[in-house]
Amino acid sequence: MLPIVERARLGLAELADPVVAPQMQRYMKSEMPFRGVPKPARIQLVRTLVAECPLPDAAALRTAAEELWTGARFREERYLALALVDHSRYRRWSDPSWVPLLQGWIVTGAWWDFTDDIASRRIGPLLRAHPEQLTPVLRAWATDEDRWLRRTAVISQLGSGAATDLGLLRYAVEANIADPDFFLRKGIGWALRQHARVDPVWVRGFVADHPGLSPLSRREALKHLGE
């Protein structure tokens, strides 16, 4: 076990709140228990870990993150894995070679907290930096059997703004427009609502052209457009 992993688990144990832990578990509907460590405390713990146990290269980061994720007994360990990968000191090491690992985390995490974090903070930036390599991946995910990969494809461009690949957004939404799953319908609305901030005309037109959008997706998409 890498020192940073051992220190991370010890840190979570020291910060544990047995009163809050079951409340967090109920809120997240998680089979995996929580330590009861809130996000601000986790952020500070990650800062301490990076300062006290620096990682020398991308291979060490990947090993540490995989150990935290795969060996997790408490959900916060997986949150720390994600936070380490996204830390400003290590973020530059992310490249398309990380996609299979991130895909595995989406599938094994199988819930919105992990999916949304990975989609917006890891897959999205990779897509913007490496569109030629990531676009085919996300098009494949848009029709995958796994609903969390499909949600990732739908919401991966939340941070793209005017640089949004409209062809990919359209493809991902249309591929899932008839799916009754709540998280896909909510994700579709979220993706459209976010793009409406920079291109409301396109979003209005898309909604008008797709009467098959669920009421939830339509409502979310037009939420800030006065409709």
Protein backbone atom coordinates (compact mmCIF):
# COMPACT_ATOMS: atom_id res chain seq x y z
CA MET A 1 0.00 0.00 0.00
CA LEU A 2 1.35 3.42 -0.93
CA PRO A 3 1.94 5.80 2.01
CA ILE A 4 -0.57 8.29 0.65
CA VAL A 5 -3.29 5.63 0.62
CA GLU A 6 -2.54 4.52 4.16
CA ARG A 7 -2.47 8.15 5.30
CA ALA A 8 -5.75 8.87 3.50
CA ARG A 9 -7.56 6.04 5.25
CA LEU A 10 -6.10 7.01 8.60
CA GLY A 11 -7.15 10.60 8.01
CA LEU A 12 -10.72 9.61 7.23
CA ALA A 13 -10.83 7.44 10.36
CA GLU A 14 -9.63 10.37 12.48
CA LEU A 15 -12.28 12.67 10.99
CA ALA A 16 -15.10 10.12 11.20
CA ASP A 17 -18.42 11.16 12.69
CA PRO A 18 -20.53 8.11 13.59
CA VAL A 19 -23.62 10.28 14.00
CA VAL A 20 -23.41 11.89 10.57
CA ALA A 21 -22.24 8.75 8.74
CA PRO A 22 -25.59 6.93 8.58
CA GLN A 23 -27.33 10.16 7.56
CA MET A 24 -24.94 10.55 4.62
CA GLN A 25 -25.44 6.92 3.67
CA ARG A 26 -29.23 7.29 3.69
CA TYR A 27 -29.11 10.47 1.64
CA MET A 28 -26.91 8.86 -1.00
CA LYS A 29 -28.86 5.57 -0.86
CA SER A 30 -25.50 3.86 -0.66
CA GLU A 31 -24.83 0.23 0.12
CA MET A 32 -21.26 1.19 0.98
CA PRO A 33 -21.06 2.86 4.39
CA PHE A 34 -19.73 6.35 5.03
CA ARG A 35 -17.20 7.54 7.58
CA GLY A 36 -19.25 10.68 8.04
CA VAL A 37 -16.61 13.11 6.72
CA PRO A 38 -18.14 16.15 4.97
CA LYS A 39 -16.72 17.63 1.78
CA PRO A 40 -14.88 20.62 3.35
CA ALA A 41 -12.97 18.27 5.65
CA ARG A 42 -12.18 15.98 2.73
CA ILE A 43 -10.82 18.89 0.71
CA GLN A 44 -8.51 19.85 3.56
CA LEU A 45 -7.42 16.25 3.96
CA VAL A 46 -6.49 16.04 0.26
CA ARG A 47 -4.40 19.20 0.60
CA THR A 48 -2.57 17.64 3.52
CA LEU A 49 -2.05 14.38 1.65
CA VAL A 50 -0.60 16.10 -1.41
CA ALA A 51 1.73 18.21 0.74
CA GLU A 52 2.91 15.38 3.01
CA CYS A 53 2.92 12.46 0.55
CA PRO A 54 3.73 13.89 -2.89
CA LEU A 55 3.44 11.54 -5.83
CA PRO A 56 6.34 11.51 -8.32
CA ASP A 57 4.53 10.73 -11.55
CA ALA A 58 1.32 9.72 -13.29
CA ALA A 59 1.93 6.02 -12.67
CA ALA A 60 2.10 6.58 -8.91
CA LEU A 61 -1.05 8.70 -9.04
CA ARG A 62 -2.91 6.00 -10.94
CA THR A 63 -1.77 3.35 -8.46
CA ALA A 64 -2.83 5.43 -5.46
CA ALA A 65 -6.20 6.28 -6.98
CA GLU A 66 -6.86 2.66 -7.94
CA GLU A 67 -5.96 1.46 -4.45
CA LEU A 68 -8.33 3.97 -2.87
CA TRP A 69 -11.14 3.12 -5.27
CA THR A 70 -10.84 -0.66 -5.49
CA GLY A 71 -10.06 -1.25 -1.84
CA ALA A 72 -12.63 1.21 -0.51
CA ARG A 73 -14.60 0.15 2.55
CA PHE A 74 -16.13 3.60 2.97
CA ARG A 75 -17.53 5.84 0.24
CA GLU A 76 -15.27 8.76 1.13
CA GLU A 77 -12.25 6.73 0.02
CA ARG A 78 -13.59 6.84 -3.52
CA TYR A 79 -14.24 10.55 -3.18
CA LEU A 80 -10.59 10.98 -2.24
CA ALA A 81 -9.50 8.94 -5.28
CA LEU A 82 -11.41 11.34 -7.52
CA ALA A 83 -10.10 14.39 -5.67
CA LEU A 84 -6.49 13.27 -6.00
CA VAL A 85 -6.81 12.78 -9.76
CA ASP A 86 -8.33 16.26 -10.06
CA HIS A 87 -5.85 18.04 -7.78
CA SER A 88 -4.17 21.01 -9.45
CA ARG A 89 -0.73 19.45 -8.95
CA TYR A 90 -1.73 16.23 -10.74
CA ARG A 91 -4.43 17.29 -13.18
CA ARG A 92 -1.92 17.81 -15.99
CA TRP A 93 -1.11 14.09 -15.93
CA SER A 94 -4.57 13.15 -17.17
CA ASP A 95 -4.70 12.10 -20.81
CA PRO A 96 -6.81 9.72 -22.93
CA SER A 97 -4.98 6.73 -21.47
CA TRP A 98 -7.01 7.30 -18.29
CA VAL A 99 -10.34 6.74 -20.05
CA PRO A 100 -10.56 2.95 -19.45
CA LEU A 101 -9.92 3.50 -15.74
CA LEU A 102 -12.52 6.27 -15.55
CA GLN A 103 -14.98 4.11 -17.46
CA GLY A 104 -14.50 1.36 -14.91
CA TRP A 105 -15.14 3.80 -12.08
CA ILE A 106 -18.35 5.02 -13.72
CA VAL A 107 -19.61 1.46 -14.11
CA THR A 108 -18.57 0.22 -10.66
CA GLY A 109 -19.58 3.43 -8.92
CA ALA A 110 -23.00 3.18 -10.57
CA TRP A 111 -24.53 6.28 -8.97
CA TRP A 112 -24.97 9.94 -9.77
CA ASP A 113 -22.38 11.34 -7.34
CA PHE A 114 -19.50 9.46 -8.96
CA THR A 115 -20.83 9.71 -12.51
CA ASP A 116 -21.42 13.45 -12.44
CA ASP A 117 -18.03 14.19 -10.92
CA ILE A 118 -16.19 12.05 -13.46
CA ALA A 119 -18.26 13.31 -16.40
CA SER A 120 -17.86 17.01 -15.68
CA ARG A 121 -14.41 17.19 -14.08
CA ARG A 122 -12.49 14.48 -15.92
CA ILE A 123 -14.17 13.26 -19.10
CA GLY A 124 -15.30 16.75 -20.11
CA PRO A 125 -11.83 18.32 -19.92
CA LEU A 126 -10.34 15.34 -21.74
CA LEU A 127 -12.94 15.73 -24.48
CA ARG A 128 -12.09 19.41 -24.92
CA ALA A 129 -8.35 18.69 -24.97
CA HIS A 130 -8.48 15.56 -27.13
CA PRO A 131 -11.71 15.68 -29.20
CA GLU A 132 -10.45 13.34 -31.91
CA GLN A 133 -9.88 10.56 -29.38
CA LEU A 134 -12.75 11.20 -26.96
CA THR A 135 -15.63 11.93 -29.34
CA PRO A 136 -15.85 8.35 -30.68
CA VAL A 137 -15.70 7.05 -27.11
CA LEU A 138 -18.60 9.22 -25.99
CA ARG A 139 -20.65 8.37 -29.05
CA ALA A 140 -20.21 4.71 -28.14
CA TRP A 141 -21.12 5.39 -24.50
CA ALA A 142 -24.29 7.20 -25.60
CA THR A 143 -25.76 3.87 -26.70
CA ASP A 144 -24.08 1.60 -24.15
CA GLU A 145 -26.18 -0.77 -22.04
CA ASP A 146 -24.89 0.94 -18.88
CA ARG A 147 -27.08 3.91 -18.01
CA TRP A 148 -24.25 5.73 -16.19
CA LEU A 149 -22.04 5.68 -19.26
CA ARG A 150 -24.98 7.03 -21.24
CA ARG A 151 -25.54 9.78 -18.66
CA THR A 152 -21.83 10.61 -18.91
CA ALA A 153 -22.12 10.99 -22.68
CA VAL A 154 -25.11 13.32 -22.22
CA ILE A 155 -23.60 15.61 -19.56
CA SER A 156 -19.91 15.48 -20.52
CA GLN A 157 -20.03 18.96 -22.08
CA LEU A 158 -21.49 20.86 -19.14
CA GLY A 159 -18.35 22.97 -18.96
CA SER A 160 -17.80 23.43 -22.69
CA GLY A 161 -19.81 26.60 -23.16
CA ALA A 162 -19.53 28.02 -26.67
CA ALA A 163 -17.07 25.24 -27.56
CA THR A 164 -19.78 22.57 -27.18
CA ASP A 165 -19.77 19.97 -29.92
CA LEU A 166 -23.41 20.30 -30.94
CA GLY A 167 -23.27 17.18 -33.07
CA LEU A 168 -22.18 15.12 -30.09
CA LEU A 169 -24.72 16.77 -27.78
CA ARG A 170 -27.52 16.12 -30.26
CA TYR A 171 -26.43 12.52 -30.79
CA ALA A 172 -26.19 11.74 -27.07
CA VAL A 173 -29.56 13.29 -26.28
CA GLU A 174 -31.39 11.75 -29.22
CA ALA A 175 -29.96 8.33 -28.41
CA ASN A 176 -31.56 8.49 -24.95
CA ILE A 177 -34.60 10.66 -25.49
CA ALA A 178 -37.08 7.79 -25.18
CA ASP A 179 -35.46 6.16 -22.17
CA PRO A 180 -37.73 6.33 -19.10
CA ASP A 181 -34.81 6.37 -16.64
CA PHE A 182 -35.03 9.36 -14.28
CA PHE A 183 -31.29 10.03 -14.25
CA LEU A 184 -31.09 10.06 -18.04
CA ARG A 185 -34.09 12.36 -18.36
CA LYS A 186 -32.69 14.67 -15.69
CA GLY A 187 -29.28 14.59 -17.36
CA ILE A 188 -30.75 15.51 -20.74
CA GLY A 189 -32.52 18.49 -19.23
CA TRP A 190 -29.39 19.54 -17.37
CA ALA A 191 -27.20 19.35 -20.48
CA LEU A 192 -29.67 21.40 -22.53
CA ARG A 193 -30.22 23.94 -19.73
CA GLN A 194 -26.48 24.44 -19.39
CA HIS A 195 -26.02 24.97 -23.12
CA ALA A 196 -28.93 27.42 -23.12
CA ARG A 197 -26.68 29.78 -21.17
CA VAL A 198 -24.61 30.35 -24.31
CA ASP A 199 -27.02 29.41 -27.11
CA PRO A 200 -30.67 29.74 -26.05
CA VAL A 201 -31.87 29.87 -29.67
CA TRP A 202 -30.37 26.44 -30.40
CA VAL A 203 -31.88 24.93 -27.26
CA ARG A 204 -35.33 26.38 -27.95
CA GLY A 205 -35.15 25.00 -31.47
CA PHE A 206 -33.99 21.60 -30.30
CA VAL A 207 -36.81 21.35 -27.76
CA ALA A 208 -39.37 22.44 -30.34
CA ASP A 209 -38.08 19.87 -32.83
CA HIS A 210 -38.21 17.02 -30.32
CA PRO A 211 -41.76 16.58 -28.99
CA GLY A 212 -40.65 13.21 -27.62
CA LEU A 213 -38.65 14.88 -24.85
CA SER A 214 -40.01 13.87 -21.46
CA PRO A 215 -41.79 16.61 -19.47
CA LEU A 216 -38.89 16.50 -16.98
CA SER A 217 -36.24 17.01 -19.68
CA ARG A 218 -38.26 19.76 -21.35
CA ARG A 219 -38.89 21.58 -18.07
CA GLU A 220 -35.24 21.44 -17.07
CA ALA A 221 -34.04 22.51 -20.51
CA LEU A 222 -36.22 25.63 -20.57
CA LYS A 223 -35.91 26.43 -16.86
CA HIS A 224 -34.03 29.72 -17.30
CA LEU A 225 -35.53 30.74 -20.62
CA GLY A 226 -38.80 32.08 -19.24
CA GLU A 227 -40.87 29.21 -20.65
